[in-house]
PDB file of all heavy atoms in Angstrom:
ATOM      1  N   ARG A   1     259.714  92.356  77.111  1.00  0.00           N
ATOM      2  CA  ARG A   1     259.184  92.227  75.769  1.00  0.00           C
ATOM      3  C   ARG A   1     258.821  90.779  75.489  1.00  0.00           C
ATOM      4  O   ARG A   1     259.334  89.861  76.117  1.00  0.00           O
ATOM      5  CB  ARG A   1     260.172  92.742  74.717  1.00  0.00           C
ATOM      6  CG  ARG A   1     261.449  91.920  74.568  1.00  0.00           C
ATOM      7  CD  ARG A   1     262.416  92.618  73.616  1.00  0.00           C
ATOM      8  NE  ARG A   1     263.635  91.847  73.417  1.00  0.00           N
ATOM      9  CZ  ARG A   1     264.697  92.293  72.750  1.00  0.00           C
ATOM     10  NH1 ARG A   1     264.685  93.504  72.210  1.00  0.00           N
ATOM     11  NH2 ARG A   1     265.771  91.518  72.612  1.00  0.00           N
ATOM     12  N   GLN A   2     257.931  90.592  74.508  1.00  0.00           N
ATOM     13  CA  GLN A   2     257.448  89.260  74.190  1.00  0.00           C
ATOM     14  C   GLN A   2     257.099  89.162  72.715  1.00  0.00           C
ATOM     15  O   GLN A   2     256.512  90.074  72.140  1.00  0.00           O
ATOM     16  CB  GLN A   2     256.216  88.929  75.035  1.00  0.00           C
ATOM     17  CG  GLN A   2     255.735  87.496  74.916  1.00  0.00           C
ATOM     18  CD  GLN A   2     254.663  87.174  75.943  1.00  0.00           C
ATOM     19  OE1 GLN A   2     253.955  88.059  76.410  1.00  0.00           O
ATOM     20  NE2 GLN A   2     254.548  85.907  76.302  1.00  0.00           N
ATOM     21  N   THR A   3     257.478  88.027  72.113  1.00  0.00           N
ATOM     22  CA  THR A   3     257.116  87.712  70.746  1.00  0.00           C
ATOM     23  C   THR A   3     256.231  86.473  70.763  1.00  0.00           C
ATOM     24  O   THR A   3     256.260  85.692  71.724  1.00  0.00           O
ATOM     25  CB  THR A   3     258.353  87.469  69.876  1.00  0.00           C
ATOM     26  OG1 THR A   3     259.162  86.437  70.464  1.00  0.00           O
ATOM     27  CG2 THR A   3     259.193  88.737  69.760  1.00  0.00           C
ATOM     28  N   PRO A   4     255.432  86.261  69.712  1.00  0.00           N
ATOM     29  CA  PRO A   4     254.542  85.098  69.688  1.00  0.00           C
ATOM     30  C   PRO A   4     255.284  83.778  69.889  1.00  0.00           C
ATOM     31  O   PRO A   4     256.311  83.531  69.249  1.00  0.00           O
ATOM     32  CB  PRO A   4     253.913  85.170  68.294  1.00  0.00           C
ATOM     33  CG  PRO A   4     253.944  86.625  67.955  1.00  0.00           C
ATOM     34  CD  PRO A   4     255.242  87.122  68.533  1.00  0.00           C
ATOM     35  N   GLY A   5     254.774  82.953  70.788  1.00  0.00           N
ATOM     36  CA  GLY A   5     255.362  81.657  71.045  1.00  0.00           C
ATOM     37  C   GLY A   5     256.518  81.658  72.020  1.00  0.00           C
ATOM     38  O   GLY A   5     257.061  80.590  72.331  1.00  0.00           O
ATOM     39  N   ASN A   6     256.913  82.826  72.487  1.00  0.00           N
ATOM     40  CA  ASN A   6     258.038  82.931  73.417  1.00  0.00           C
ATOM     41  C   ASN A   6     257.597  83.477  74.758  1.00  0.00           C
ATOM     42  O   ASN A   6     256.539  84.101  74.883  1.00  0.00           O
ATOM     43  CB  ASN A   6     259.125  83.830  72.831  1.00  0.00           C
ATOM     44  CG  ASN A   6     259.734  83.279  71.567  1.00  0.00           C
ATOM     45  OD1 ASN A   6     260.103  82.113  71.506  1.00  0.00           O
ATOM     46  ND2 ASN A   6     259.836  84.120  70.549  1.00  0.00           N
ATOM     47  N   GLN A   7     258.414  83.232  75.772  1.00  0.00           N
ATOM     48  CA  GLN A   7     258.155  83.787  77.085  1.00  0.00           C
ATOM     49  C   GLN A   7     258.505  85.264  77.111  1.00  0.00           C
ATOM     50  O   GLN A   7     259.341  85.737  76.338  1.00  0.00           O
ATOM     51  CB  GLN A   7     258.978  83.049  78.152  1.00  0.00           C
ATOM     52  CG  GLN A   7     258.639  81.588  78.329  1.00  0.00           C
ATOM     53  CD  GLN A   7     259.354  80.991  79.520  1.00  0.00           C
ATOM     54  OE1 GLN A   7     259.092  81.376  80.671  1.00  0.00           O
ATOM     55  NE2 GLN A   7     260.255  80.064  79.267  1.00  0.00           N
ATOM     56  N   ARG A   8     257.851  85.967  77.987  1.00  0.00           N
ATOM     57  CA  ARG A   8     258.188  87.365  78.187  1.00  0.00           C
ATOM     58  C   ARG A   8     259.578  87.463  78.813  1.00  0.00           C
ATOM     59  O   ARG A   8     259.881  86.772  79.789  1.00  0.00           O
ATOM     60  CB  ARG A   8     257.145  88.024  79.079  1.00  0.00           C
ATOM     61  CG  ARG A   8     257.207  89.532  79.122  1.00  0.00           C
ATOM     62  CD  ARG A   8     255.971  90.113  79.823  1.00  0.00           C
ATOM     63  NE  ARG A   8     254.740  89.790  79.103  1.00  0.00           N
ATOM     64  CZ  ARG A   8     253.535  90.199  79.466  1.00  0.00           C
ATOM     65  NH1 ARG A   8     253.396  90.969  80.543  1.00  0.00           N
ATOM     66  NH2 ARG A   8     252.472  89.849  78.761  1.00  0.00           N
ATOM     67  N   GLU A   9     260.417  88.308  78.252  1.00  0.00           N
ATOM     68  CA  GLU A   9     261.788  88.408  78.716  1.00  0.00           C
ATOM     69  C   GLU A   9     262.110  89.815  79.196  1.00  0.00           C
ATOM     70  O   GLU A   9     261.585  90.807  78.688  1.00  0.00           O
ATOM     71  CB  GLU A   9     262.773  88.003  77.615  1.00  0.00           C
ATOM     72  CG  GLU A   9     262.793  88.931  76.420  1.00  0.00           C
ATOM     73  CD  GLU A   9     263.890  88.589  75.423  1.00  0.00           C
ATOM     74  OE1 GLU A   9     264.711  87.698  75.715  1.00  0.00           O
ATOM     75  OE2 GLU A   9     263.925  89.217  74.346  1.00  0.00           O
ATOM     76  N   LEU A  10     263.000  89.868  80.159  1.00  0.00           N
ATOM     77  CA  LEU A  10     263.460  91.148  80.676  1.00  0.00           C
ATOM     78  C   LEU A  10     264.279  91.876  79.627  1.00  0.00           C
ATOM     79  O   LEU A  10     265.122  91.284  78.958  1.00  0.00           O
ATOM     80  CB  LEU A  10     264.297  90.931  81.941  1.00  0.00           C
ATOM     81  CG  LEU A  10     264.843  92.165  82.660  1.00  0.00           C
ATOM     82  CD1 LEU A  10     264.919  91.900  84.159  1.00  0.00           C
ATOM     83  CD2 LEU A  10     266.228  92.543  82.139  1.00  0.00           C
ATOM     84  N   VAL A  11     264.023  93.165  79.490  1.00  0.00           N
ATOM     85  CA  VAL A  11     264.804  94.018  78.604  1.00  0.00           C
ATOM     86  C   VAL A  11     265.712  94.922  79.427  1.00  0.00           C
ATOM     87  O   VAL A  11     266.931  94.919  79.259  1.00  0.00           O
ATOM     88  CB  VAL A  11     263.909  94.873  77.695  1.00  0.00           C
ATOM     89  CG1 VAL A  11     264.756  95.799  76.825  1.00  0.00           C
ATOM     90  CG2 VAL A  11     263.040  93.983  76.816  1.00  0.00           C
ATOM     91  N   ALA A  12     265.119  95.699  80.308  1.00  0.00           N
ATOM     92  CA  ALA A  12     265.872  96.618  81.149  1.00  0.00           C
ATOM     93  C   ALA A  12     265.016  97.032  82.331  1.00  0.00           C
ATOM     94  O   ALA A  12     263.851  97.369  82.160  1.00  0.00           O
ATOM     95  CB  ALA A  12     266.298  97.860  80.358  1.00  0.00           C
ATOM     96  N   VAL A  13     265.584  96.992  83.529  1.00  0.00           N
ATOM     97  CA  VAL A  13     264.865  97.407  84.721  1.00  0.00           C
ATOM     98  C   VAL A  13     265.762  98.239  85.620  1.00  0.00           C
ATOM     99  O   VAL A  13     266.987  98.109  85.598  1.00  0.00           O
ATOM    100  CB  VAL A  13     264.307  96.213  85.539  1.00  0.00           C
ATOM    101  CG1 VAL A  13     263.270  95.449  84.739  1.00  0.00           C
ATOM    102  CG2 VAL A  13     265.434  95.295  85.989  1.00  0.00           C
ATOM    103  N   ILE A  14     265.119  99.079  86.400  1.00  0.00           N
ATOM    104  CA  ILE A  14     265.802  99.859  87.424  1.00  0.00           C
ATOM    105  C   ILE A  14     265.316  99.378  88.781  1.00  0.00           C
ATOM    106  O   ILE A  14     264.117  99.416  89.065  1.00  0.00           O
ATOM    107  CB  ILE A  14     265.533 101.363  87.272  1.00  0.00           C
ATOM    108  CG1 ILE A  14     265.984 101.858  85.902  1.00  0.00           C
ATOM    109  CG2 ILE A  14     266.238 102.138  88.382  1.00  0.00           C
ATOM    110  CD1 ILE A  14     265.596 103.296  85.625  1.00  0.00           C
ATOM    111  N   THR A  15     266.237  98.940  89.610  1.00  0.00           N
ATOM    112  CA  THR A  15     265.937  98.522  90.972  1.00  0.00           C
ATOM    113  C   THR A  15     266.726  99.428  91.904  1.00  0.00           C
ATOM    114  O   THR A  15     267.950  99.298  92.013  1.00  0.00           O
ATOM    115  CB  THR A  15     266.314  97.059  91.213  1.00  0.00           C
ATOM    116  OG1 THR A  15     265.649  96.230  90.248  1.00  0.00           O
ATOM    117  CG2 THR A  15     265.921  96.624  92.617  1.00  0.00           C
ATOM    118  N   GLY A  16     266.027 100.344  92.543  1.00  0.00           N
ATOM    119  CA  GLY A  16     266.719 101.353  93.322  1.00  0.00           C
ATOM    120  C   GLY A  16     267.569 102.200  92.403  1.00  0.00           C
ATOM    121  O   GLY A  16     267.065 102.824  91.465  1.00  0.00           O
ATOM    122  N   SER A  17     268.864 102.181  92.643  1.00  0.00           N
ATOM    123  CA  SER A  17     269.790 102.920  91.807  1.00  0.00           C
ATOM    124  C   SER A  17     270.542 102.026  90.827  1.00  0.00           C
ATOM    125  O   SER A  17     271.436 102.495  90.115  1.00  0.00           O
ATOM    126  CB  SER A  17     270.796 103.682  92.680  1.00  0.00           C
ATOM    127  OG  SER A  17     271.554 102.790  93.478  1.00  0.00           O
ATOM    128  N   THR A  18     270.160 100.757  90.780  1.00  0.00           N
ATOM    129  CA  THR A  18     270.844  99.788  89.936  1.00  0.00           C
ATOM    130  C   THR A  18     270.048  99.510  88.670  1.00  0.00           C
ATOM    131  O   THR A  18     268.843  99.275  88.721  1.00  0.00           O
ATOM    132  CB  THR A  18     271.082  98.469  90.692  1.00  0.00           C
ATOM    133  OG1 THR A  18     271.866  98.724  91.859  1.00  0.00           O
ATOM    134  CG2 THR A  18     271.808  97.461  89.809  1.00  0.00           C
ATOM    135  N   THR A  19     270.726  99.511  87.543  1.00  0.00           N
ATOM    136  CA  THR A  19     270.109  99.226  86.253  1.00  0.00           C
ATOM    137  C   THR A  19     270.612  97.899  85.719  1.00  0.00           C
ATOM    138  O   THR A  19     271.813  97.617  85.750  1.00  0.00           O
ATOM    139  CB  THR A  19     270.419 100.339  85.245  1.00  0.00           C
ATOM    140  OG1 THR A  19     269.985 101.598  85.768  1.00  0.00           O
ATOM    141  CG2 THR A  19     269.715 100.078  83.925  1.00  0.00           C
ATOM    142  N   ASN A  20     269.696  97.080  85.231  1.00  0.00           N
ATOM    143  CA  ASN A  20     270.040  95.794  84.654  1.00  0.00           C
ATOM    144  C   ASN A  20     269.482  95.703  83.246  1.00  0.00           C
ATOM    145  O   ASN A  20     268.334  96.062  83.002  1.00  0.00           O
ATOM    146  CB  ASN A  20     269.489  94.649  85.505  1.00  0.00           C
ATOM    147  CG  ASN A  20     270.091  94.598  86.886  1.00  0.00           C
ATOM    148  OD1 ASN A  20     269.466  94.998  87.870  1.00  0.00           O
ATOM    149  ND2 ASN A  20     271.318  94.105  86.972  1.00  0.00           N
ATOM    150  N   TYR A  21     270.306  95.188  82.332  1.00  0.00           N
ATOM    151  CA  TYR A  21     269.924  95.033  80.941  1.00  0.00           C
ATOM    152  C   TYR A  21     270.101  93.595  80.484  1.00  0.00           C
ATOM    153  O   TYR A  21     271.014  92.896  80.936  1.00  0.00           O
ATOM    154  CB  TYR A  21     270.776  95.915  80.035  1.00  0.00           C
ATOM    155  CG  TYR A  21     270.596  97.396  80.232  1.00  0.00           C
ATOM    156  CD1 TYR A  21     271.401  98.104  81.115  1.00  0.00           C
ATOM    157  CD2 TYR A  21     269.630  98.093  79.518  1.00  0.00           C
ATOM    158  CE1 TYR A  21     271.249  99.465  81.287  1.00  0.00           C
ATOM    159  CE2 TYR A  21     269.472  99.460  79.683  1.00  0.00           C
ATOM    160  CZ  TYR A  21     270.283 100.140  80.574  1.00  0.00           C
ATOM    161  OH  TYR A  21     270.127 101.495  80.735  1.00  0.00           O
ATOM    162  N   ALA A  22     269.242  93.178  79.565  1.00  0.00           N
ATOM    163  CA  ALA A  22     269.482  91.922  78.877  1.00  0.00           C
ATOM    164  C   ALA A  22     270.753  92.054  78.055  1.00  0.00           C
ATOM    165  O   ALA A  22     271.055  93.122  77.517  1.00  0.00           O
ATOM    166  CB  ALA A  22     268.304  91.578  77.972  1.00  0.00           C
ATOM    167  N   ASP A  23     271.511  90.959  77.960  1.00  0.00           N
ATOM    168  CA  ASP A  23     272.759  91.000  77.206  1.00  0.00           C
ATOM    169  C   ASP A  23     272.538  91.445  75.761  1.00  0.00           C
ATOM    170  O   ASP A  23     273.391  92.116  75.177  1.00  0.00           O
ATOM    171  CB  ASP A  23     273.437  89.629  77.219  1.00  0.00           C
ATOM    172  CG  ASP A  23     274.018  89.274  78.573  1.00  0.00           C
ATOM    173  OD1 ASP A  23     274.233  90.186  79.392  1.00  0.00           O
ATOM    174  OD2 ASP A  23     274.260  88.074  78.809  1.00  0.00           O
ATOM    175  N   SER A  24     271.402  91.085  75.207  1.00  0.00           N
ATOM    176  CA  SER A  24     271.130  91.376  73.811  1.00  0.00           C
ATOM    177  C   SER A  24     270.924  92.861  73.520  1.00  0.00           C
ATOM    178  O   SER A  24     270.991  93.274  72.360  1.00  0.00           O
ATOM    179  CB  SER A  24     269.902  90.592  73.333  1.00  0.00           C
ATOM    180  OG  SER A  24     268.756  90.942  74.088  1.00  0.00           O
ATOM    181  N   VAL A  25     270.683  93.665  74.555  1.00  0.00           N
ATOM    182  CA  VAL A  25     270.417  95.083  74.335  1.00  0.00           C
ATOM    183  C   VAL A  25     271.459  95.989  74.974  1.00  0.00           C
ATOM    184  O   VAL A  25     271.397  97.215  74.790  1.00  0.00           O
ATOM    185  CB  VAL A  25     269.015  95.488  74.841  1.00  0.00           C
ATOM    186  CG1 VAL A  25     267.947  94.585  74.235  1.00  0.00           C
ATOM    187  CG2 VAL A  25     268.950  95.458  76.363  1.00  0.00           C
ATOM    188  N   LYS A  26     272.406  95.427  75.690  1.00  0.00           N
ATOM    189  CA  LYS A  26     273.441  96.239  76.331  1.00  0.00           C
ATOM    190  C   LYS A  26     274.204  97.054  75.306  1.00  0.00           C
ATOM    191  O   LYS A  26     274.597  96.559  74.257  1.00  0.00           O
ATOM    192  CB  LYS A  26     274.414  95.350  77.117  1.00  0.00           C
ATOM    193  CG  LYS A  26     273.861  94.820  78.422  1.00  0.00           C
ATOM    194  CD  LYS A  26     274.907  94.004  79.173  1.00  0.00           C
ATOM    195  CE  LYS A  26     274.364  93.516  80.499  1.00  0.00           C
ATOM    196  NZ  LYS A  26     275.350  92.679  81.222  1.00  0.00           N
ATOM    197  N   GLY A  27     274.393  98.315  75.620  1.00  0.00           N
ATOM    198  CA  GLY A  27     275.092  99.212  74.719  1.00  0.00           C
ATOM    199  C   GLY A  27     274.205  99.865  73.695  1.00  0.00           C
ATOM    200  O   GLY A  27     274.636 100.805  73.015  1.00  0.00           O
TER     201      GLY A  27
END
């Protein structure tokens, strides 16, 4: 995701069977 003036940041991705979330959206 990206907001004006900020870098695009990871929210959540699936790599193989592994899921990774940004700390701000966990849970």
